């Protein structure tokens, strides 16, 4: 019989991650629908990132529902004729309307995936650029006009 040692700090970190995602999802119903724009290619990249991270086992069982809801929310924003381009390098500079919550959740998911080492070394540069694009979009929405 094998025993498995549970690291209390790791368990606490996992609990905090789940709480963060859960709280973000709860905000979906209460947050004001402030919108901003991101490029279609960035939206495609975050969707592909969610797919890859789920395939790599980055998310914990109780995180799949909120991550799946984010995926569906973002996927609905891409015009149907462009959804096939998600599998390729889409160089589209079309702007897509997204909510503040969409951007915030995307940033949080990128942070969690990064903390859990879900990315290969060569993937950090495009993921970092994606993070900066989302962060800039969030700042534009959040800053007073």
C-alpha atoms as a PDB file:
ATOM      1  CA  UNK A   1       0.000   0.000   0.000  1.00  0.00           C
ATOM      2  CA  UNK A   2       1.457   3.340  -0.973  1.00  0.00           C
ATOM      3  CA  UNK A   3       0.913   6.493   0.955  1.00  0.00           C
ATOM      4  CA  UNK A   4       0.861   9.926  -0.547  1.00  0.00           C
ATOM      5  CA  UNK A   5       2.081  12.924   1.386  1.00  0.00           C
ATOM      6  CA  UNK A   6      -0.022  16.021   0.972  1.00  0.00           C
ATOM      7  CA  UNK A   7       1.891  19.256   1.108  1.00  0.00           C
ATOM      8  CA  UNK A   8      -0.261  21.674   3.114  1.00  0.00           C
ATOM      9  CA  UNK A   9       1.071  24.714   1.250  1.00  0.00           C
ATOM     10  CA  UNK A  10       0.293  23.123  -2.123  1.00  0.00           C
ATOM     11  CA  UNK A  11      -3.199  22.203  -0.977  1.00  0.00           C
ATOM     12  CA  UNK A  12      -3.803  25.761   0.253  1.00  0.00           C
ATOM     13  CA  UNK A  13      -2.560  27.175  -3.091  1.00  0.00           C
ATOM     14  CA  UNK A  14      -4.895  24.877  -5.022  1.00  0.00           C
ATOM     15  CA  UNK A  15      -7.794  25.898  -2.793  1.00  0.00           C
ATOM     16  CA  UNK A  16      -7.033  29.576  -3.374  1.00  0.00           C
ATOM     17  CA  UNK A  17      -6.867  29.031  -7.153  1.00  0.00           C
ATOM     18  CA  UNK A  18     -10.278  27.361  -7.134  1.00  0.00           C
ATOM     19  CA  UNK A  19     -11.727  30.149  -4.989  1.00  0.00           C
ATOM     20  CA  UNK A  20     -10.331  32.788  -7.363  1.00  0.00           C
ATOM     21  CA  UNK A  21     -11.876  31.173 -10.436  1.00  0.00           C
ATOM     22  CA  UNK A  22     -15.164  30.545  -8.622  1.00  0.00           C
ATOM     23  CA  UNK A  23     -15.371  34.167  -7.475  1.00  0.00           C
ATOM     24  CA  UNK A  24     -14.621  35.384 -10.997  1.00  0.00           C
ATOM     25  CA  UNK A  25     -17.396  33.250 -12.427  1.00  0.00           C
ATOM     26  CA  UNK A  26     -19.835  34.525  -9.781  1.00  0.00           C
ATOM     27  CA  UNK A  27     -19.012  38.050 -10.920  1.00  0.00           C
ATOM     28  CA  UNK A  28     -20.355  37.196 -14.387  1.00  0.00           C
ATOM     29  CA  UNK A  29     -23.886  37.784 -13.178  1.00  0.00           C
ATOM     30  CA  UNK A  30     -23.163  40.973 -11.272  1.00  0.00           C
ATOM     31  CA  UNK A  31     -20.484  42.807 -13.249  1.00  0.00           C
ATOM     32  CA  UNK A  32     -21.486  45.687 -15.448  1.00  0.00           C
ATOM     33  CA  UNK A  33     -21.126  44.756 -19.098  1.00  0.00           C
ATOM     34  CA  UNK A  34     -18.347  47.204 -19.924  1.00  0.00           C
ATOM     35  CA  UNK A  35     -16.880  46.322 -23.287  1.00  0.00           C
ATOM     36  CA  UNK A  36     -13.555  46.781 -24.951  1.00  0.00           C
ATOM     37  CA  UNK A  37     -11.837  45.471 -28.034  1.00  0.00           C
ATOM     38  CA  UNK A  38      -9.181  42.876 -28.653  1.00  0.00           C
ATOM     39  CA  UNK A  39      -7.866  41.598 -31.938  1.00  0.00           C
ATOM     40  CA  UNK A  40      -9.474  38.483 -33.342  1.00  0.00           C
ATOM     41  CA  UNK A  41      -6.094  36.728 -33.475  1.00  0.00           C
ATOM     42  CA  UNK A  42      -5.636  37.301 -29.722  1.00  0.00           C
ATOM     43  CA  UNK A  43      -9.066  35.849 -29.072  1.00  0.00           C
ATOM     44  CA  UNK A  44      -8.125  32.806 -31.160  1.00  0.00           C
ATOM     45  CA  UNK A  45      -4.856  32.478 -29.261  1.00  0.00           C
ATOM     46  CA  UNK A  46      -6.540  32.509 -25.847  1.00  0.00           C
ATOM     47  CA  UNK A  47      -9.021  29.867 -27.065  1.00  0.00           C
ATOM     48  CA  UNK A  48      -6.173  27.696 -28.340  1.00  0.00           C
ATOM     49  CA  UNK A  49      -4.332  28.248 -25.052  1.00  0.00           C
ATOM     50  CA  UNK A  50      -7.367  27.008 -23.117  1.00  0.00           C
ATOM     51  CA  UNK A  51      -7.543  23.924 -25.338  1.00  0.00           C
ATOM     52  CA  UNK A  52      -3.836  23.133 -24.962  1.00  0.00           C
ATOM     53  CA  UNK A  53      -3.809  23.721 -21.209  1.00  0.00           C
ATOM     54  CA  UNK A  54      -6.808  21.459 -20.727  1.00  0.00           C
ATOM     55  CA  UNK A  55      -5.112  18.748 -22.814  1.00  0.00           C
ATOM     56  CA  UNK A  56      -1.987  19.092 -20.683  1.00  0.00           C
ATOM     57  CA  UNK A  57      -3.992  18.587 -17.505  1.00  0.00           C
ATOM     58  CA  UNK A  58      -3.391  22.085 -16.174  1.00  0.00           C
ATOM     59  CA  UNK A  59      -6.833  22.535 -14.697  1.00  0.00           C
ATOM     60  CA  UNK A  60      -8.186  20.739 -11.688  1.00  0.00           C
ATOM     61  CA  UNK A  61     -11.480  18.875 -11.882  1.00  0.00           C
ATOM     62  CA  UNK A  62     -13.538  21.606 -10.215  1.00  0.00           C
ATOM     63  CA  UNK A  63     -12.014  24.274 -12.485  1.00  0.00           C
ATOM     64  CA  UNK A  64     -13.207  22.763 -15.753  1.00  0.00           C
ATOM     65  CA  UNK A  65     -16.710  24.215 -15.552  1.00  0.00           C
ATOM     66  CA  UNK A  66     -15.667  27.879 -15.146  1.00  0.00           C
ATOM     67  CA  UNK A  67     -12.875  27.462 -17.695  1.00  0.00           C
ATOM     68  CA  UNK A  68     -15.345  25.829 -20.106  1.00  0.00           C
ATOM     69  CA  UNK A  69     -17.812  28.671 -19.584  1.00  0.00           C
ATOM     70  CA  UNK A  70     -15.081  31.190 -20.385  1.00  0.00           C
ATOM     71  CA  UNK A  71     -14.154  29.197 -23.485  1.00  0.00           C
ATOM     72  CA  UNK A  72     -17.770  29.176 -24.697  1.00  0.00           C
ATOM     73  CA  UNK A  73     -18.234  32.916 -23.964  1.00  0.00           C
ATOM     74  CA  UNK A  74     -15.145  33.804 -25.979  1.00  0.00           C
ATOM     75  CA  UNK A  75     -15.828  31.341 -28.801  1.00  0.00           C
ATOM     76  CA  UNK A  76     -19.271  32.899 -29.368  1.00  0.00           C
ATOM     77  CA  UNK A  77     -17.619  36.242 -30.116  1.00  0.00           C
ATOM     78  CA  UNK A  78     -15.730  34.983 -33.158  1.00  0.00           C
ATOM     79  CA  UNK A  79     -17.682  35.229 -36.411  1.00  0.00           C
ATOM     80  CA  UNK A  80     -18.721  31.710 -37.562  1.00  0.00           C
ATOM     81  CA  UNK A  81     -16.807  31.980 -40.826  1.00  0.00           C
ATOM     82  CA  UNK A  82     -13.585  32.537 -38.852  1.00  0.00           C
ATOM     83  CA  UNK A  83     -13.808  29.698 -36.333  1.00  0.00           C
ATOM     84  CA  UNK A  84     -11.926  27.351 -38.678  1.00  0.00           C
ATOM     85  CA  UNK A  85      -8.955  29.731 -38.546  1.00  0.00           C
ATOM     86  CA  UNK A  86      -8.411  28.966 -34.864  1.00  0.00           C
ATOM     87  CA  UNK A  87      -6.305  25.978 -35.824  1.00  0.00           C
ATOM     88  CA  UNK A  88      -3.956  28.091 -37.951  1.00  0.00           C
ATOM     89  CA  UNK A  89      -2.004  31.263 -37.399  1.00  0.00           C
ATOM     90  CA  UNK A  90      -4.744  33.812 -37.879  1.00  0.00           C
ATOM     91  CA  UNK A  91      -3.211  37.184 -38.748  1.00  0.00           C
ATOM     92  CA  UNK A  92      -6.538  38.965 -38.628  1.00  0.00           C
ATOM     93  CA  UNK A  93      -6.494  42.421 -37.080  1.00  0.00           C
ATOM     94  CA  UNK A  94     -10.284  42.534 -36.863  1.00  0.00           C
ATOM     95  CA  UNK A  95     -11.420  43.924 -33.533  1.00  0.00           C
ATOM     96  CA  UNK A  96     -13.792  41.843 -31.409  1.00  0.00           C
ATOM     97  CA  UNK A  97     -15.974  43.291 -28.657  1.00  0.00           C
ATOM     98  CA  UNK A  98     -15.354  41.614 -25.304  1.00  0.00           C
ATOM     99  CA  UNK A  99     -16.477  42.414 -21.793  1.00  0.00           C
ATOM    100  CA  UNK A 100     -14.292  43.467 -18.910  1.00  0.00           C
ATOM    101  CA  UNK A 101     -15.087  40.129 -17.307  1.00  0.00           C
ATOM    102  CA  UNK A 102     -13.935  38.197 -20.396  1.00  0.00           C
ATOM    103  CA  UNK A 103     -10.597  39.963 -20.273  1.00  0.00           C
ATOM    104  CA  UNK A 104     -10.205  39.617 -16.507  1.00  0.00           C
ATOM    105  CA  UNK A 105     -10.977  35.895 -16.580  1.00  0.00           C
ATOM    106  CA  UNK A 106      -8.582  35.377 -19.497  1.00  0.00           C
ATOM    107  CA  UNK A 107      -5.778  37.121 -17.597  1.00  0.00           C
ATOM    108  CA  UNK A 108      -6.499  35.038 -14.484  1.00  0.00           C
ATOM    109  CA  UNK A 109      -6.455  31.799 -16.465  1.00  0.00           C
ATOM    110  CA  UNK A 110      -3.153  32.774 -18.114  1.00  0.00           C
ATOM    111  CA  UNK A 111      -1.682  33.484 -14.677  1.00  0.00           C
ATOM    112  CA  UNK A 112      -2.848  30.133 -13.311  1.00  0.00           C
ATOM    113  CA  UNK A 113      -1.534  28.236 -16.336  1.00  0.00           C
ATOM    114  CA  UNK A 114       1.805  30.010 -16.038  1.00  0.00           C
ATOM    115  CA  UNK A 115       2.067  29.266 -12.309  1.00  0.00           C
ATOM    116  CA  UNK A 116       1.403  25.599 -13.019  1.00  0.00           C
ATOM    117  CA  UNK A 117       4.099  25.465 -15.716  1.00  0.00           C
ATOM    118  CA  UNK A 118       1.619  24.576 -18.457  1.00  0.00           C
ATOM    119  CA  UNK A 119       3.698  26.176 -21.185  1.00  0.00           C
ATOM    120  CA  UNK A 120       6.771  24.968 -23.005  1.00  0.00           C
ATOM    121  CA  UNK A 121       9.757  27.287 -23.018  1.00  0.00           C
ATOM    122  CA  UNK A 122       9.196  28.433 -26.603  1.00  0.00           C
ATOM    123  CA  UNK A 123       5.558  29.260 -25.810  1.00  0.00           C
ATOM    124  CA  UNK A 124       6.287  31.847 -23.128  1.00  0.00           C
ATOM    125  CA  UNK A 125       6.986  34.731 -25.531  1.00  0.00           C
ATOM    126  CA  UNK A 126       3.648  34.541 -27.415  1.00  0.00           C
ATOM    127  CA  UNK A 127       1.806  33.887 -24.136  1.00  0.00           C
ATOM    128  CA  UNK A 128       3.538  36.897 -22.581  1.00  0.00           C
ATOM    129  CA  UNK A 129       2.545  39.053 -25.555  1.00  0.00           C
ATOM    130  CA  UNK A 130      -1.032  37.789 -25.306  1.00  0.00           C
ATOM    131  CA  UNK A 131      -1.057  38.639 -21.601  1.00  0.00           C
ATOM    132  CA  UNK A 132       0.153  42.170 -22.386  1.00  0.00           C
ATOM    133  CA  UNK A 133      -2.541  42.640 -25.056  1.00  0.00           C
ATOM    134  CA  UNK A 134      -5.269  41.590 -22.633  1.00  0.00           C
ATOM    135  CA  UNK A 135      -3.770  43.691 -19.844  1.00  0.00           C
ATOM    136  CA  UNK A 136      -3.681  46.758 -22.127  1.00  0.00           C
ATOM    137  CA  UNK A 137      -7.300  46.167 -23.180  1.00  0.00           C
ATOM    138  CA  UNK A 138      -8.325  45.910 -19.534  1.00  0.00           C
ATOM    139  CA  UNK A 139      -6.500  49.135 -18.689  1.00  0.00           C
ATOM    140  CA  UNK A 140      -8.323  50.940 -21.523  1.00  0.00           C
ATOM    141  CA  UNK A 141     -11.668  49.749 -20.203  1.00  0.00           C
ATOM    142  CA  UNK A 142     -10.844  50.499 -16.579  1.00  0.00           C
ATOM    143  CA  UNK A 143      -9.328  53.947 -17.048  1.00  0.00           C
ATOM    144  CA  UNK A 144     -11.659  56.924 -16.801  1.00  0.00           C
ATOM    145  CA  UNK A 145     -12.438  58.454 -20.159  1.00  0.00           C
END
